Amino acid sequence: MERMTRAAGPEQRSTSPLAQLSRQLNSACTAAVQPLELAAILEAEGLTDSLAQQRYGEVSVFSCAERLYGMVPYRAPGMPVVRAAPRPLPVRSLLRGGLYLLPALWSPALLALAPAADVFHGAGLGLLSASLFGWGWMQGVAYVGFTGLAFAPAVAALRLRRAGMAAAALGGGLAFALAAALGQDPTLVTLAALSVSVYLAAATALLVLGQEVTLLTASLPALLWLGVTRVWPGAADLSWAALPLPPVPAITLLLAVGGPLLAAWEATRHAGLAGAVQGSWRPVPWTQAGLHCVYGWLCAAAMSLVFLLPLSGLSPDAAGLTGLSWSLAPLVLTLGFMEFSTARVHRNLRLQAQRPDPIGRIVWGALGQVGAGAGRYLALLAGTYLAAGGVTAALSMTALPVPLLAGHLLMALSLLLSSLLNNFGLLPRVLIAWTVAVGVQLGALFLTGPETAYLLGAGAAAVSLSLLTVLAVRDVRHLM
């Protein structure tokens, strides 16, 4: 059979504008698995609907992308499919969960500095003020630090030092104003709030810089001191010194705050002039940082209001659910694994978007990845609560009510979906969902008990965030 050959002479190519565009974007066109990829490239190049109509005779950018997608055949990469390497155990992520729980170990020492009737007076007020507001402050500080990492570690270190110091000062000032307004001792309340705020700022800086082991090492002296004083109380007998504060709590607080503070100062000290020079012309996204602060405050309110508000009349216990506040510990302990699960879901979503499948199948597969990631995390959390239930039964402690347990699981799901949506750039929608959840919880407190109110608030957050996640995943651009 005679082989067909091309006639001699210059190569004949179509001169239509769309064909010329396809040759300019040849590598993108041949590698695209869906028109949306080409539409994103065209928009990035400045093509608008009106320009698409003028230059190429298409009604929109997406129509132009569809034409390009149809006229250039897909060519699979020549490289063989690379199988994912075995992933190491998420040791750092699991460690972060334990680090988040560290303040719960030494905060009783803060309350012991000046015992009060309840946690709403004296050092307790400073602890609550700094913890609740600090959750929001440090969300913003962490965001500022992560944006600095996009430029250089020195820029991130400098931003973390400055933003952390400012947040700690704001926390102390807020506690002082709150104590003065309530007629309490401003000195004690401010001292307690500053201690917690400084620790949170230092811990945030170390965690953002990826120095979890450093934070744990810096916290070991306080943990060892707590162990020694618990096993051998006589070793801490300093009554002969006539100190102005109880010695054991004071030393515990000094070690718990001083160690991480020195470690964070050392970690950010090397920023110095290099960080100032590199970061001087980099704009700091203060508006976005403020939104992350609001996000932290809303989450803190949704998780802790029913445990802190005096709820006499709504609960047989005049203190409401304060005695069950320990039930938040398993949730906080597994937050590190939640962060790992979120990162894993994002990685799987990117792989899903690269599959040469129809968009509908890609979307369904992406939803399956989100569901699988959430299921794994909730299974781990449920197992943790099961183990905690065994411990409470052995210690004859109050069993965790079913509505409260269900609320914790729904709250954990909400936090995971929020993290996912925040990474999609949908923080404003997440804020609306959490605002609705807090509103539902507060409204339910006037109609039912605190356990049911907590469950309803967590359910509202989980439902709204689940709907937002489904809508976000349907937009394939979020998967890339």
Foldseek 3Di string as FASTA:
>chain_A
DDDDDDDDDDDDDDPQLLRVVCVVCVVQLQQDLDLVSVLVVCVVVVDFQVNCCVRHVARGSSRSSVVSNVPHHHDDDPDDDDDDDDDDDLPLLLLQLVVLCVCVVLVVLLCQQDPDPDLCAFLSVLQVLLVLLVLLLLLLLLVLLLVLVVQPNLLSLVSLVVSLVVQLVVSLVVQLVVCVVVVHDSVRSSVSNSLSSLQSSLVSLCVSSVNSVQLVVLQVVLVVLVVCCVVPVVVQPPVVVVDPTRRSSVVSSCSRRVSSNVSSCVSNVVSPPVNCVRNVPPDGPNVVSNLSSLVSNLLSLLLPVQLQDQQPVQDPDRNGCVVVNCVCSLVSSCVSVLVVLLVVLLVVLLVLLSDSDDLVVSLVVSVVSLVVSLVVSLVVSVVVLVVVQVVCVVVVHDGDDPLQVLLSSLSSLLVSLQVNVVLLVNSVQLSVQSVVLSVQLVVVSVVHHNSNSSSSSSVSSSVSSVVVSSVSSSPSVSSD
